[in-house]
N, C-alpha and C. Protein backbone atom coordinates (compact mmCIF):
# COMPACT_ATOMS: atom_id res chain seq x y z
N MET A 1 76.09 165.64 46.06
CA MET A 1 74.92 165.62 46.79
C MET A 1 74.03 164.27 46.76
N LYS A 2 73.54 163.54 47.63
CA LYS A 2 72.67 162.42 47.23
C LYS A 2 71.39 162.54 46.60
N GLN A 3 70.73 161.90 45.68
CA GLN A 3 69.45 162.53 45.09
C GLN A 3 68.55 161.92 45.67
N LYS A 4 67.55 162.69 46.31
CA LYS A 4 66.51 162.17 46.77
C LYS A 4 65.31 161.08 45.70
N ILE A 5 65.06 159.78 46.31
CA ILE A 5 64.35 158.76 45.41
C ILE A 5 62.99 159.07 46.01
N GLU A 6 62.08 159.22 45.20
CA GLU A 6 60.52 158.84 45.50
C GLU A 6 60.32 157.83 45.80
N PRO A 7 59.50 157.68 47.00
CA PRO A 7 59.15 156.12 47.34
C PRO A 7 58.77 154.93 46.43
N ASN A 8 57.78 155.48 45.57
CA ASN A 8 57.31 154.55 44.81
C ASN A 8 58.69 153.76 43.95
N LEU A 9 59.43 155.17 43.60
CA LEU A 9 60.73 154.56 42.58
C LEU A 9 61.47 153.89 43.27
N LYS A 10 61.79 154.15 44.30
CA LYS A 10 62.62 153.44 45.35
C LYS A 10 62.17 151.73 45.52
N ARG A 11 60.86 151.51 45.78
CA ARG A 11 60.41 150.42 45.78
C ARG A 11 60.59 149.45 44.53
N MET A 12 60.58 150.26 43.39
CA MET A 12 60.89 149.38 42.29
C MET A 12 62.46 149.41 41.74
N LYS A 13 63.39 149.89 42.38
CA LYS A 13 64.80 149.78 41.94
C LYS A 13 65.21 148.52 41.80
N LYS A 14 65.10 147.60 42.69
CA LYS A 14 65.54 146.45 42.44
C LYS A 14 65.16 145.46 40.95
N ALA A 15 63.94 145.74 40.86
CA ALA A 15 63.39 145.07 39.63
C ALA A 15 63.86 146.05 38.33
N MET A 16 63.79 147.23 38.31
CA MET A 16 64.26 148.04 37.39
C MET A 16 65.65 147.58 37.09
N MET A 17 66.31 147.82 38.09
CA MET A 17 67.93 147.14 37.67
C MET A 17 68.24 145.99 37.50
N LYS A 18 67.46 145.16 37.62
CA LYS A 18 67.29 143.67 37.05
C LYS A 18 67.26 143.34 35.60
N MET A 19 66.05 144.47 35.33
CA MET A 19 65.97 144.25 33.78
C MET A 19 66.95 145.14 33.20
N LEU A 20 67.31 146.47 33.61
CA LEU A 20 68.41 147.24 32.99
C LEU A 20 69.94 146.44 32.97
N THR A 21 70.35 145.90 33.87
CA THR A 21 71.53 145.03 33.86
C THR A 21 71.47 143.91 32.90
N ALA A 22 70.21 143.22 32.62
CA ALA A 22 70.15 142.08 31.77
C ALA A 22 70.09 142.58 30.12
N ARG A 23 69.74 143.99 30.34
CA ARG A 23 69.96 144.47 28.87
C ARG A 23 71.10 145.24 28.45
N TYR A 24 71.75 145.78 29.53
CA TYR A 24 72.96 146.80 29.14
C TYR A 24 74.25 146.59 29.79
N GLY A 25 74.07 145.68 30.90
CA GLY A 25 75.24 145.27 31.73
C GLY A 25 75.11 146.21 32.91
N LEU A 26 75.98 145.91 34.05
CA LEU A 26 75.90 146.85 35.21
C LEU A 26 76.26 148.11 35.16
N ALA A 27 77.63 148.27 34.57
CA ALA A 27 77.56 149.74 34.45
C ALA A 27 76.78 150.74 33.90
N GLU A 28 76.03 150.29 32.91
CA GLU A 28 75.21 151.28 32.25
C GLU A 28 74.13 151.27 32.76
N ALA A 29 73.68 150.27 33.60
CA ALA A 29 72.37 149.96 34.15
C ALA A 29 72.40 151.30 35.23
N ASN A 30 73.74 151.45 36.05
CA ASN A 30 73.91 152.24 36.92
C ASN A 30 73.64 153.79 36.55
N LEU A 31 74.14 153.88 35.25
CA LEU A 31 73.82 155.23 34.80
C LEU A 31 72.63 155.51 34.19
N ARG A 32 71.67 154.34 33.80
CA ARG A 32 70.50 154.52 33.30
C ARG A 32 69.53 154.74 34.87
N TRP A 33 69.82 154.10 35.86
CA TRP A 33 69.19 154.28 37.13
C TRP A 33 69.21 155.88 37.30
N GLU A 34 70.42 156.42 37.59
CA GLU A 34 70.46 157.81 37.77
C GLU A 34 69.78 158.71 36.88
N GLN A 35 69.77 158.26 35.61
CA GLN A 35 68.92 159.18 34.50
C GLN A 35 67.32 159.22 35.17
N ILE A 36 66.84 157.74 35.41
CA ILE A 36 65.66 157.36 35.96
C ILE A 36 65.26 158.36 37.05
N VAL A 37 66.06 158.36 38.09
CA VAL A 37 65.86 159.22 39.19
C VAL A 37 66.11 160.83 38.74
N ARG A 38 66.49 161.18 37.96
CA ARG A 38 66.52 162.63 37.50
C ARG A 38 65.45 163.03 36.68
N GLN A 39 65.02 162.25 36.04
CA GLN A 39 63.78 162.85 35.16
C GLN A 39 62.56 162.56 35.99
N ASP A 40 62.49 161.37 36.98
CA ASP A 40 61.24 161.43 37.94
C ASP A 40 60.97 162.67 38.71
N GLN A 41 62.42 163.29 39.36
CA GLN A 41 62.17 164.61 39.80
C GLN A 41 61.88 165.70 39.05
N ALA A 42 62.49 165.60 38.06
CA ALA A 42 61.99 166.56 37.14
C ALA A 42 60.55 166.76 36.68
N TRP A 43 60.01 165.63 36.52
CA TRP A 43 58.34 165.88 36.59
C TRP A 43 57.75 165.90 37.53
N ILE A 44 58.27 165.80 38.90
CA ILE A 44 57.28 165.96 39.94
C ILE A 44 57.71 167.32 40.23
N GLN A 45 58.68 167.97 39.90
CA GLN A 45 59.14 169.54 39.86
C GLN A 45 58.26 170.45 38.94
N GLU A 46 57.98 169.73 37.56
CA GLU A 46 57.32 170.53 36.67
C GLU A 46 55.71 170.49 36.83
N ASN A 47 55.38 169.08 37.32
CA ASN A 47 53.85 169.07 37.38
C ASN A 47 53.34 168.82 38.64
N GLY A 48 54.06 168.87 39.45
CA GLY A 48 53.55 168.62 41.00
C GLY A 48 53.25 167.13 41.58
N ASP A 49 52.75 167.03 42.74
CA ASP A 49 52.41 165.69 43.44
C ASP A 49 51.09 165.72 43.78
N LEU A 50 50.17 166.37 43.27
CA LEU A 50 48.42 166.43 43.41
C LEU A 50 48.23 166.46 45.06
N GLY A 51 49.11 167.29 46.05
CA GLY A 51 48.90 167.50 47.01
C GLY A 51 49.80 166.40 47.90
N GLY A 52 50.35 165.43 47.36
CA GLY A 52 51.50 164.35 48.24
C GLY A 52 50.28 163.45 48.89
N SER A 53 50.92 163.41 50.23
CA SER A 53 50.26 162.18 51.04
C SER A 53 49.05 162.64 51.51
N LYS A 54 48.34 164.28 51.49
CA LYS A 54 47.25 164.30 51.85
C LYS A 54 46.15 163.88 50.63
N ASN A 55 46.59 163.45 49.58
CA ASN A 55 45.34 163.23 48.68
C ASN A 55 45.91 161.41 48.57
N MET A 56 44.98 160.98 48.70
CA MET A 56 45.40 159.31 48.80
C MET A 56 45.51 158.59 47.44
N MET A 57 45.15 159.59 46.38
CA MET A 57 45.23 158.70 45.05
C MET A 57 46.38 159.31 44.24
N ALA A 58 47.16 160.43 45.23
CA ALA A 58 48.33 161.01 44.31
C ALA A 58 49.38 160.05 44.00
N SER A 59 49.69 158.99 44.83
CA SER A 59 50.79 157.91 44.72
C SER A 59 50.53 157.33 43.31
N ASN A 60 49.43 157.47 42.85
CA ASN A 60 49.30 156.89 41.52
C ASN A 60 49.91 157.67 40.38
N LEU A 61 49.97 158.81 40.51
CA LEU A 61 50.73 159.87 39.31
C LEU A 61 52.16 159.41 39.64
N MET A 62 52.43 159.45 40.91
CA MET A 62 53.89 159.18 40.95
C MET A 62 54.47 158.05 40.68
N LEU A 63 53.36 156.77 40.55
CA LEU A 63 53.92 155.77 40.32
C LEU A 63 54.22 156.01 38.52
N PHE A 64 53.10 156.51 37.95
CA PHE A 64 53.35 156.65 36.42
C PHE A 64 54.78 157.48 36.09
N TYR A 65 54.89 158.73 36.74
CA TYR A 65 55.92 159.40 36.59
C TYR A 65 57.27 158.51 36.51
N ALA A 66 57.37 157.20 37.73
CA ALA A 66 58.42 156.46 37.52
C ALA A 66 58.34 155.37 36.47
N VAL A 67 57.46 155.09 36.06
CA VAL A 67 57.16 154.08 34.93
C VAL A 67 57.83 154.62 33.79
N CYS A 68 57.32 155.78 33.35
CA CYS A 68 57.56 156.59 32.33
C CYS A 68 59.20 156.78 31.99
N ALA A 69 59.60 157.09 33.61
CA ALA A 69 61.04 157.47 33.62
C ALA A 69 61.93 156.02 32.99
N PHE A 70 61.53 154.97 33.49
CA PHE A 70 62.00 153.68 33.34
C PHE A 70 62.05 153.46 31.96
N TYR A 71 60.71 153.55 31.34
CA TYR A 71 60.44 153.32 29.93
C TYR A 71 61.41 154.20 28.99
N GLU A 72 61.92 155.28 29.29
CA GLU A 72 62.69 156.05 28.67
C GLU A 72 64.01 155.37 28.88
N ALA A 73 64.30 155.17 30.01
CA ALA A 73 65.71 154.37 30.24
C ALA A 73 65.82 153.00 29.42
N LEU A 74 64.76 152.41 29.09
CA LEU A 74 64.81 151.42 28.45
C LEU A 74 64.76 151.48 27.05
N ASP A 75 65.10 152.74 26.42
CA ASP A 75 64.75 153.20 25.25
C ASP A 75 63.87 152.98 24.43
N LYS A 76 62.67 153.19 25.52
CA LYS A 76 61.11 153.07 25.09
C LYS A 76 60.79 151.81 24.34
N ASN A 77 61.65 150.50 25.02
CA ASN A 77 61.44 149.32 24.26
C ASN A 77 60.99 148.35 25.47
N LEU A 78 59.87 148.46 25.96
CA LEU A 78 58.90 147.59 26.74
C LEU A 78 57.61 147.41 26.42
N THR A 79 57.32 145.75 26.21
CA THR A 79 56.02 145.59 25.95
C THR A 79 55.12 145.50 27.17
N ALA A 80 53.73 145.22 26.74
CA ALA A 80 52.81 144.95 27.73
C ALA A 80 53.06 143.82 28.54
N GLU A 81 53.69 142.74 27.89
CA GLU A 81 53.91 141.56 28.57
C GLU A 81 55.25 141.64 29.62
N GLN A 82 56.28 142.32 29.10
CA GLN A 82 57.40 142.72 30.20
C GLN A 82 56.98 143.37 31.04
N PHE A 83 56.36 144.28 30.95
CA PHE A 83 55.61 145.41 32.21
C PHE A 83 54.80 144.40 33.04
N LYS A 84 54.13 143.70 32.50
CA LYS A 84 53.06 142.88 33.51
C LYS A 84 54.05 142.14 34.52
N ALA A 85 55.19 141.23 33.67
CA ALA A 85 55.98 140.54 34.65
C ALA A 85 56.93 141.38 35.55
N PHE A 86 57.36 142.71 35.12
CA PHE A 86 58.13 143.43 36.04
C PHE A 86 57.16 143.89 37.29
N ALA A 87 55.80 144.24 36.90
CA ALA A 87 54.92 144.92 37.69
C ALA A 87 54.84 143.77 38.54
N ASN A 88 54.27 142.66 38.57
CA ASN A 88 53.94 141.30 39.32
C ASN A 88 55.44 141.18 40.24
N GLU A 89 56.65 141.33 39.61
CA GLU A 89 57.81 141.07 40.73
C GLU A 89 57.76 142.23 41.72
N VAL A 90 57.11 143.32 41.36
CA VAL A 90 57.45 144.38 42.05
C VAL A 90 56.32 144.20 43.23
N MET A 91 55.46 143.67 42.82
CA MET A 91 53.96 143.73 43.89
C MET A 91 53.84 142.29 44.42
N ALA A 92 54.79 141.52 44.01
CA ALA A 92 54.50 140.13 44.77
C ALA A 92 54.19 139.86 46.11
N PRO A 93 55.30 140.63 47.12
CA PRO A 93 54.52 140.69 48.43
C PRO A 93 53.48 141.16 48.77
N THR A 94 52.90 142.53 47.97
CA THR A 94 51.86 142.95 48.62
C THR A 94 50.47 142.24 48.03
N PHE A 95 50.66 141.46 47.00
CA PHE A 95 49.62 140.65 46.39
C PHE A 95 49.27 139.63 47.25
N LYS A 96 50.52 138.96 47.96
CA LYS A 96 50.48 137.77 48.72
C LYS A 96 49.56 138.16 50.08
N LEU A 97 49.76 139.46 50.61
CA LEU A 97 48.87 140.06 51.92
C LEU A 97 47.40 140.14 51.25
N MET A 98 47.33 140.76 50.04
CA MET A 98 46.14 141.26 49.85
C MET A 98 45.31 139.97 49.30
N ASN A 99 45.61 138.81 48.78
CA ASN A 99 45.14 137.47 48.71
C ASN A 99 44.23 137.13 49.85
N LEU A 100 44.91 137.58 51.18
CA LEU A 100 43.97 137.18 52.41
C LEU A 100 42.87 137.69 52.42
N PHE A 101 42.39 138.81 51.59
CA PHE A 101 41.16 139.36 51.75
C PHE A 101 40.31 139.04 50.43
N ASP A 102 39.14 138.59 51.04
CA ASP A 102 37.89 138.20 50.02
C ASP A 102 36.79 138.96 49.83
N MET A 103 36.89 139.70 48.72
CA MET A 103 35.67 140.58 48.14
C MET A 103 34.41 139.89 48.26
N ASN A 104 34.15 138.78 48.02
CA ASN A 104 33.15 137.99 47.98
C ASN A 104 32.55 138.04 49.48
N ARG A 105 33.08 137.77 50.25
CA ARG A 105 32.74 137.73 51.69
C ARG A 105 32.57 139.08 52.21
N PHE A 106 33.50 140.07 51.80
CA PHE A 106 33.25 141.54 52.40
C PHE A 106 32.04 141.91 51.85
N LEU A 107 31.68 141.85 50.70
CA LEU A 107 30.23 142.49 50.03
C LEU A 107 28.94 142.08 50.65
N LYS A 108 29.22 140.96 51.53
CA LYS A 108 27.87 140.42 51.82
C LYS A 108 27.45 141.16 53.14
N HIS A 109 28.74 141.98 53.58
CA HIS A 109 28.13 142.88 54.86
C HIS A 109 27.78 144.30 54.47
N LYS A 110 26.67 144.44 54.59
CA LYS A 110 26.25 145.90 54.00
C LYS A 110 26.77 147.00 54.66
N HIS A 111 26.91 146.91 56.11
CA HIS A 111 27.45 148.06 56.78
C HIS A 111 28.53 148.27 56.45
N LEU A 112 29.37 147.17 55.77
CA LEU A 112 31.14 147.85 55.52
C LEU A 112 30.96 148.33 53.94
N VAL A 113 30.18 148.00 53.24
CA VAL A 113 30.09 148.56 51.94
C VAL A 113 29.65 149.88 52.05
N LYS A 114 28.76 150.20 52.83
CA LYS A 114 28.35 151.49 53.37
C LYS A 114 29.41 152.27 53.86
N LEU A 115 30.48 151.71 54.53
CA LEU A 115 31.49 152.60 55.17
C LEU A 115 32.40 152.97 53.99
N VAL A 116 32.72 151.67 53.07
CA VAL A 116 33.40 152.27 51.92
C VAL A 116 33.01 153.34 51.03
N TYR A 117 31.66 153.49 51.09
CA TYR A 117 31.37 154.38 49.99
C TYR A 117 30.95 155.88 50.94
N ARG A 118 31.22 155.64 52.17
CA ARG A 118 31.26 157.04 52.93
C ARG A 118 32.77 157.46 52.79
N MET A 119 33.72 156.53 52.59
CA MET A 119 35.01 157.08 52.34
C MET A 119 35.18 157.67 51.40
N ILE A 120 34.62 157.02 49.97
CA ILE A 120 34.96 157.69 48.63
C ILE A 120 34.31 158.95 48.76
N ASP A 121 33.11 159.03 49.29
CA ASP A 121 32.38 160.09 49.34
C ASP A 121 33.08 161.18 49.98
N SER A 122 33.60 161.22 51.16
CA SER A 122 34.07 161.98 51.72
C SER A 122 35.49 162.40 51.08
N TYR A 123 36.10 161.66 50.35
CA TYR A 123 37.24 162.01 49.43
C TYR A 123 36.65 162.57 48.06
N LYS A 124 35.71 162.50 47.77
CA LYS A 124 35.15 163.19 46.54
C LYS A 124 34.64 164.67 47.06
N LYS A 125 34.36 164.81 48.20
CA LYS A 125 34.11 166.17 48.86
C LYS A 125 35.50 167.10 48.96
N GLN A 126 36.81 166.14 49.13
CA GLN A 126 38.11 166.86 49.40
C GLN A 126 38.25 167.16 47.85
N VAL A 127 38.06 166.58 46.76
CA VAL A 127 38.66 166.85 45.46
C VAL A 127 37.84 167.80 45.00
N ASP A 128 36.40 168.00 45.29
CA ASP A 128 35.33 169.11 44.80
C ASP A 128 36.29 170.56 45.42
N LYS A 129 36.72 170.19 46.68
CA LYS A 129 37.36 171.50 47.44
C LYS A 129 38.76 171.95 46.97
N LYS A 130 39.54 170.87 46.62
CA LYS A 130 40.87 171.28 46.48
C LYS A 130 41.23 171.24 44.93
N ARG A 131 40.55 170.67 44.02
CA ARG A 131 40.64 170.62 42.85
C ARG A 131 40.91 171.79 42.18
N GLY A 132 42.29 171.96 41.35
CA GLY A 132 42.34 173.22 40.41
C GLY A 132 43.13 174.10 41.70
N LYS A 133 43.32 173.68 42.85
CA LYS A 133 44.23 174.30 43.77
C LYS A 133 45.24 173.66 44.13
N GLU A 134 45.35 173.18 45.58
CA GLU A 134 46.37 172.57 45.83
C GLU A 134 46.84 171.02 45.38
N TRP A 135 45.54 170.55 44.99
CA TRP A 135 45.37 169.11 44.20
C TRP A 135 45.41 169.15 42.60
N GLY A 136 45.95 170.36 42.37
CA GLY A 136 45.96 170.50 40.58
C GLY A 136 44.89 169.67 40.01
N ASN A 137 44.97 168.77 38.82
CA ASN A 137 44.20 168.16 38.08
C ASN A 137 43.88 166.87 38.59
N THR A 138 43.74 166.91 39.73
CA THR A 138 43.44 165.39 40.36
C THR A 138 41.99 164.67 39.92
N TRP A 139 41.76 163.67 40.04
CA TRP A 139 40.80 162.85 39.44
C TRP A 139 39.41 163.60 39.74
N LEU A 140 38.40 163.94 38.96
CA LEU A 140 37.19 164.48 39.29
C LEU A 140 36.40 163.09 38.86
N LEU A 141 35.61 162.84 40.19
CA LEU A 141 34.85 161.58 40.39
C LEU A 141 33.51 161.79 40.43
N THR A 142 32.48 160.79 40.29
CA THR A 142 31.11 160.49 40.77
C THR A 142 31.18 159.39 41.54
N VAL A 143 30.31 159.34 42.50
CA VAL A 143 30.31 158.11 43.35
C VAL A 143 28.95 157.35 42.85
N ASN A 144 29.24 155.81 42.33
CA ASN A 144 28.20 154.99 41.96
C ASN A 144 27.09 155.74 41.40
N PRO A 145 27.51 156.31 40.18
CA PRO A 145 26.35 157.17 39.21
C PRO A 145 25.13 156.15 38.91
N LYS A 146 25.17 155.01 38.54
CA LYS A 146 24.31 154.14 38.02
C LYS A 146 23.51 153.25 39.37
N GLU A 147 23.82 153.95 40.37
CA GLU A 147 23.30 153.35 41.78
C GLU A 147 22.97 151.94 41.82
N ARG A 148 24.28 151.34 41.45
CA ARG A 148 24.61 149.81 41.77
C ARG A 148 24.07 149.36 43.03
N THR A 149 23.34 148.26 43.21
CA THR A 149 22.74 147.74 44.52
C THR A 149 23.71 146.83 45.23
N TYR A 150 24.82 146.32 44.47
CA TYR A 150 25.78 145.21 44.64
C TYR A 150 27.04 145.71 44.20
N GLY A 151 28.10 145.67 45.02
CA GLY A 151 29.49 145.99 44.81
C GLY A 151 29.96 147.25 45.01
N ILE A 152 31.00 147.67 44.93
CA ILE A 152 31.33 149.28 44.89
C ILE A 152 31.61 150.02 43.19
N ALA A 153 30.82 151.09 43.31
CA ALA A 153 31.13 151.58 42.05
C ALA A 153 31.52 153.17 41.90
N TYR A 154 32.22 153.62 41.25
CA TYR A 154 32.47 155.15 40.89
C TYR A 154 33.03 155.38 39.51
N THR A 155 32.92 156.57 39.09
CA THR A 155 33.28 156.84 37.83
C THR A 155 34.18 157.90 37.88
N LEU A 156 35.44 158.06 37.00
CA LEU A 156 36.44 158.93 36.89
C LEU A 156 36.16 159.91 35.69
N HIS A 157 35.85 161.00 35.69
CA HIS A 157 35.42 161.81 34.61
C HIS A 157 37.07 162.43 34.05
N THR A 158 38.03 162.42 34.99
CA THR A 158 39.12 163.06 34.55
C THR A 158 40.30 162.07 35.16
N CYS A 159 41.67 162.15 34.58
CA CYS A 159 42.80 161.48 35.17
C CYS A 159 43.89 162.29 34.62
N PRO A 160 44.88 162.32 35.84
CA PRO A 160 45.96 163.24 35.95
C PRO A 160 47.12 162.41 35.14
N LEU A 161 46.92 161.10 35.18
CA LEU A 161 47.74 160.04 34.34
C LEU A 161 47.77 160.24 33.04
N TYR A 162 46.06 160.56 32.30
CA TYR A 162 46.08 160.17 31.11
C TYR A 162 46.34 161.80 30.70
N ASP A 163 46.19 162.85 31.61
CA ASP A 163 46.86 164.08 30.81
C ASP A 163 48.17 164.20 30.86
N PHE A 164 48.74 163.56 31.87
CA PHE A 164 50.12 163.42 31.54
C PHE A 164 50.80 162.66 30.38
N ALA A 165 50.06 161.48 30.07
CA ALA A 165 50.70 160.74 28.92
C ALA A 165 50.24 161.54 28.01
N ARG A 166 49.10 162.12 27.68
CA ARG A 166 49.05 162.83 26.24
C ARG A 166 49.76 163.97 26.31
N ASP A 167 49.92 164.86 27.20
CA ASP A 167 50.94 166.00 27.42
C ASP A 167 52.53 165.65 26.81
N TYR A 168 52.87 164.57 27.49
CA TYR A 168 54.22 164.03 27.13
C TYR A 168 54.64 163.23 26.40
N GLY A 169 53.54 162.49 25.73
CA GLY A 169 53.78 161.54 24.52
C GLY A 169 53.83 160.21 25.12
N TYR A 170 53.24 159.88 26.05
CA TYR A 170 53.22 158.36 26.79
C TYR A 170 51.86 157.64 26.69
N THR A 171 51.08 157.98 25.68
CA THR A 171 49.71 157.16 25.52
C THR A 171 49.66 155.94 25.24
N GLU A 172 50.98 155.25 25.02
CA GLU A 172 51.37 154.00 24.54
C GLU A 172 51.45 153.16 25.99
N VAL A 173 52.00 153.96 26.84
CA VAL A 173 52.63 153.38 28.19
C VAL A 173 51.35 153.22 29.19
N LEU A 174 50.33 154.21 29.40
CA LEU A 174 49.28 154.26 30.22
C LEU A 174 48.47 153.00 30.26
N PRO A 175 48.18 152.53 29.14
CA PRO A 175 47.34 151.12 29.16
C PRO A 175 48.15 150.08 30.07
N TYR A 176 49.28 150.15 30.00
CA TYR A 176 49.92 149.05 30.90
C TYR A 176 49.46 149.11 32.62
N LEU A 177 49.42 150.50 33.20
CA LEU A 177 48.85 150.60 34.31
C LEU A 177 47.74 150.27 34.34
N CYS A 178 46.92 150.78 33.55
CA CYS A 178 45.46 150.42 33.64
C CYS A 178 45.09 148.95 33.61
N ALA A 179 45.76 148.38 32.93
CA ALA A 179 45.67 146.89 33.06
C ALA A 179 45.80 146.01 34.53
N MET A 180 46.80 146.87 34.96
CA MET A 180 47.10 146.34 36.40
C MET A 180 46.17 146.55 37.40
N ASP A 181 45.13 147.29 37.08
CA ASP A 181 43.63 147.41 37.92
C ASP A 181 43.17 145.84 38.01
N HIS A 182 42.98 145.52 37.24
CA HIS A 182 42.47 144.05 37.13
C HIS A 182 43.48 143.04 37.92
N GLU A 183 44.90 143.31 37.86
CA GLU A 183 45.92 142.37 38.68
C GLU A 183 45.38 142.56 40.29
N VAL A 184 45.32 143.72 40.63
CA VAL A 184 44.73 144.05 41.94
C VAL A 184 43.57 143.56 42.41
N ALA A 185 42.47 143.85 41.49
CA ALA A 185 41.32 143.34 42.02
C ALA A 185 41.40 141.50 41.95
N ASP A 186 42.00 140.97 41.04
CA ASP A 186 42.37 139.60 41.04
C ASP A 186 42.97 139.34 42.43
N ALA A 187 43.64 139.94 43.03
CA ALA A 187 44.54 139.88 44.23
C ALA A 187 43.56 139.63 45.48
N VAL A 188 42.52 140.14 45.37
CA VAL A 188 41.47 140.38 46.55
C VAL A 188 40.18 139.49 46.11
N HIS A 189 40.42 138.59 45.13
CA HIS A 189 39.14 137.84 44.91
C HIS A 189 38.07 138.64 44.31
N ALA A 190 38.25 139.68 43.54
CA ALA A 190 37.57 140.65 42.99
C ALA A 190 37.62 140.50 41.59
N LYS A 191 36.38 141.31 40.99
CA LYS A 191 36.10 141.29 39.43
C LYS A 191 36.09 143.02 39.25
N LEU A 192 37.16 143.46 38.41
CA LEU A 192 36.66 144.75 37.92
C LEU A 192 35.96 144.73 36.72
N ILE A 193 34.70 145.25 36.78
CA ILE A 193 34.00 145.54 35.57
C ILE A 193 34.15 146.89 35.32
N ARG A 194 34.60 146.99 33.96
CA ARG A 194 35.19 148.48 33.44
C ARG A 194 35.14 148.52 32.08
N HIS A 195 34.20 149.06 31.29
CA HIS A 195 33.76 148.97 29.81
C HIS A 195 34.22 150.10 29.35
N GLN A 196 34.59 151.15 30.18
CA GLN A 196 35.29 152.52 29.33
C GLN A 196 36.33 152.94 30.20
N VAL A 197 37.35 153.53 29.67
CA VAL A 197 38.57 153.67 30.09
C VAL A 197 39.10 155.02 29.33
N LEU A 198 39.65 156.06 29.86
CA LEU A 198 40.01 157.29 29.16
C LEU A 198 41.54 156.65 28.28
N SER A 199 41.98 155.81 28.83
CA SER A 199 43.20 155.36 28.03
C SER A 199 42.97 154.62 26.73
N ALA A 200 41.72 154.39 26.60
CA ALA A 200 41.32 153.58 25.39
C ALA A 200 40.27 154.59 24.42
N GLY A 201 40.36 156.06 25.10
CA GLY A 201 39.86 157.04 24.14
C GLY A 201 38.39 157.12 24.42
N ASP A 202 37.92 156.40 25.64
CA ASP A 202 36.65 156.73 26.03
C ASP A 202 36.35 158.01 26.71
N PRO A 203 35.30 158.47 26.80
CA PRO A 203 35.06 159.75 27.88
C PRO A 203 35.15 159.58 29.25
N GLU A 204 35.12 158.71 29.77
CA GLU A 204 35.71 158.25 31.29
C GLU A 204 35.97 157.00 31.76
N CYS A 205 36.47 156.83 32.98
CA CYS A 205 36.65 155.59 33.27
C CYS A 205 35.71 155.15 34.33
N GLN A 206 35.03 153.95 33.88
CA GLN A 206 33.89 153.25 35.06
C GLN A 206 34.47 152.32 35.51
N TYR A 207 34.33 152.27 36.74
CA TYR A 207 34.87 151.39 38.00
C TYR A 207 33.91 150.56 38.43
N TRP A 208 33.34 149.21 38.62
CA TRP A 208 32.50 148.54 39.31
C TRP A 208 33.26 147.02 39.89
N TYR A 209 33.56 147.35 41.20
CA TYR A 209 34.27 146.16 41.37
C TYR A 209 33.21 145.18 42.32
N VAL A 210 32.92 143.95 41.82
CA VAL A 210 32.03 142.82 42.30
C VAL A 210 33.02 141.46 42.79
N GLY A 211 32.43 140.74 43.72
CA GLY A 211 32.97 139.34 43.69
C GLY A 211 33.34 138.62 42.57
N ASP A 212 34.54 138.06 42.49
CA ASP A 212 34.87 137.13 41.36
C ASP A 212 33.86 135.82 41.56
N LYS A 213 33.51 135.49 42.13
CA LYS A 213 32.34 134.49 42.10
C LYS A 213 31.09 134.99 41.95
N SER A 214 30.74 136.21 41.82
CA SER A 214 29.23 136.36 41.70
C SER A 214 28.73 136.34 40.62
N PRO A 215 27.43 136.17 40.40
CA PRO A 215 26.97 136.30 39.06
C PRO A 215 27.47 137.29 38.14
N GLU A 216 27.34 138.74 38.57
CA GLU A 216 27.87 139.60 37.84
C GLU A 216 29.07 139.62 37.34
N GLY A 217 30.21 139.20 38.46
CA GLY A 217 31.64 138.88 37.74
C GLY A 217 31.74 137.79 37.12
N LEU A 218 31.11 136.79 36.99
CA LEU A 218 31.06 135.53 36.21
C LEU A 218 30.79 135.86 34.88
N ALA A 219 29.58 136.62 34.55
CA ALA A 219 29.05 136.96 33.28
C ALA A 219 29.65 138.24 32.46
N ASP A 220 30.52 138.91 33.19
CA ASP A 220 30.97 140.12 32.48
C ASP A 220 32.10 139.59 31.21
N THR A 221 31.81 140.17 30.31
CA THR A 221 32.97 140.14 29.24
C THR A 221 33.27 141.40 28.59
N GLY A 222 34.65 141.74 28.30
CA GLY A 222 34.74 142.74 27.53
C GLY A 222 35.39 143.82 28.35
N SER A 223 35.47 143.53 29.37
CA SER A 223 36.01 144.86 30.44
C SER A 223 37.49 145.22 29.90
N LYS A 224 38.00 146.48 30.03
CA LYS A 224 39.12 147.22 29.77
C LYS A 224 39.95 147.06 30.91
């Protein structure tokens, strides 16, 4: 019977197989790919999918399952630099499209910023209703808690990726994904100002997106 492959994992197969083949040869790489698929599916069955497509952030956990399964298939031998190169290879087409968007220009349109905040607030209301039920331990968040007057800000008080990393022993891998948030921000000409993050032992994850040419973005140092 053909194995079902989760979309995030399927998208990464080419880059995963490239690294696996370089290390172990094609025959062994194929065996390890099958191991990745089995492990990925096992974690989804054990821990759920946070509501799947109905939860717009659920794919982040699916991505982490896939990355951790890949990490296991690499005998837990994957550096931050190697992961960054791997992730950038996977994301290259997406980054190319994202690069057409400019956060600096976007943030000049207050009605568009308000629309984004309405979307985030709408998501928060869904979380408040469904967290602990069909959305499991999905992210608990607060919208713009410091009342920023520029940019887009929110705080995550919990994170299912952090919970999974802690419970299954992958706390060394999670910072690799957290670091990709900055790569994504760079792709849309934004700066992510984030001085607290759960994966670094802080009590929450603070997100504040500004334009990369803004005074706030240019002045920021020490973001995690």
